[in-house]
Amino acid sequence: MALYETIKYKVIEEEGSCEIREYEDILLASTKTKMNSSMDSGFGNVFNYISGNNKERQKISMTTPVVSYEEQDRLVTGFYVPS
């Protein structure tokens, strides 16, 4: 059994150790931070949220993969909400 739930995906293409994947529709618990040199990825914010620092004080299981991407000059970091 895997340690963390992994979102279901289909491999579209493989090249060496890299894969292009297609994921089903998902919910993402994420945070946005300013793009700057401090290297604040927002990981701590999202980790605190899934650890129970949220409106419902509910813990959410960690999932993989953790994602980071740039959106309108902000860095978005998030965990997929488990099934």
Protein backbone atom coordinates (compact mmCIF):
# COMPACT_ATOMS: atom_id res chain seq x y z
CA MET A 1 0.00 0.00 0.00
CA ALA A 2 1.28 3.48 -0.89
CA LEU A 3 2.13 5.93 1.88
CA TYR A 4 0.15 8.74 0.19
CA GLU A 5 -2.82 8.69 -2.14
CA THR A 6 -1.78 9.48 -5.71
CA ILE A 7 -4.22 11.11 -8.09
CA LYS A 8 -5.21 8.81 -10.98
CA TYR A 9 -3.61 9.63 -14.32
CA LYS A 10 -2.93 8.29 -17.79
CA VAL A 11 0.56 8.46 -19.28
CA ILE A 12 0.32 10.26 -22.63
CA GLU A 13 4.00 10.18 -23.58
CA GLU A 14 7.29 9.00 -22.09
CA GLU A 15 10.76 10.31 -22.86
CA GLY A 16 13.56 8.88 -20.75
CA SER A 17 12.63 9.40 -17.10
CA CYS A 18 10.01 12.08 -17.93
CA GLU A 19 6.28 11.53 -18.46
CA ILE A 20 3.49 13.68 -19.83
CA ARG A 21 0.38 12.79 -17.83
CA GLU A 22 -3.33 13.46 -18.15
CA TYR A 23 -5.16 13.81 -14.81
CA GLU A 24 -8.88 13.55 -14.11
CA ASP A 25 -10.69 16.64 -12.77
CA ILE A 26 -9.55 17.30 -9.20
CA LEU A 27 -9.83 19.73 -6.30
CA LEU A 28 -6.65 21.51 -5.28
CA ALA A 29 -5.89 23.00 -1.84
CA SER A 30 -3.42 25.71 -2.81
CA THR A 31 -1.79 28.97 -1.86
CA LYS A 32 -0.40 31.81 -3.96
CA THR A 33 2.81 33.62 -3.05
CA LYS A 34 4.69 36.46 -4.69
CA MET A 35 7.47 35.46 -7.05
CA ASN A 36 10.58 36.71 -5.25
CA SER A 37 14.11 35.77 -4.30
CA SER A 38 13.20 34.55 -0.80
CA MET A 39 12.28 31.17 -2.31
CA ASP A 40 8.99 31.01 -0.34
CA SER A 41 7.21 28.24 -2.22
CA GLY A 42 4.06 28.41 -0.10
CA PHE A 43 4.53 24.74 0.87
CA GLY A 44 4.35 25.58 4.59
CA ASN A 45 1.03 27.40 4.14
CA VAL A 46 -0.57 24.47 2.34
CA PHE A 47 0.90 21.94 4.78
CA ASN A 48 -0.55 23.91 7.73
CA TYR A 49 -3.94 23.98 6.00
CA ILE A 50 -4.10 20.22 5.47
CA SER A 51 -2.78 19.69 9.03
CA GLY A 52 -5.96 21.25 10.44
CA ASN A 53 -5.29 24.99 10.33
CA ASN A 54 -8.44 25.59 8.26
CA LYS A 55 -11.99 26.85 8.82
CA GLU A 56 -13.34 23.42 9.81
CA ARG A 57 -10.22 22.51 11.86
CA GLN A 58 -10.22 19.31 9.80
CA LYS A 59 -7.07 17.38 8.90
CA ILE A 60 -6.77 16.39 5.25
CA SER A 61 -4.59 13.48 4.14
CA MET A 62 -1.48 14.41 2.19
CA THR A 63 -1.53 13.37 -1.46
CA THR A 64 0.90 13.22 -4.35
CA PRO A 65 1.97 14.87 -6.46
CA VAL A 66 2.46 18.27 -4.83
CA VAL A 67 2.19 20.86 -7.58
CA SER A 68 3.77 24.25 -8.16
CA TYR A 69 3.17 26.51 -11.12
CA GLU A 70 3.28 30.18 -12.03
CA GLU A 71 0.02 32.08 -12.54
CA GLN A 72 -0.04 35.84 -13.22
CA ASP A 73 3.38 36.48 -11.59
CA ARG A 74 2.42 34.43 -8.49
CA LEU A 75 3.65 30.98 -7.47
CA VAL A 76 0.80 28.54 -6.81
CA THR A 77 1.63 25.53 -4.59
CA GLY A 78 -0.93 22.89 -3.76
CA PHE A 79 -1.97 19.43 -2.68
CA TYR A 80 -4.75 17.54 -4.41
CA VAL A 81 -7.73 16.95 -2.11
CA PRO A 82 -7.97 13.17 -1.52
CA SER A 83 -10.92 11.12 -2.74
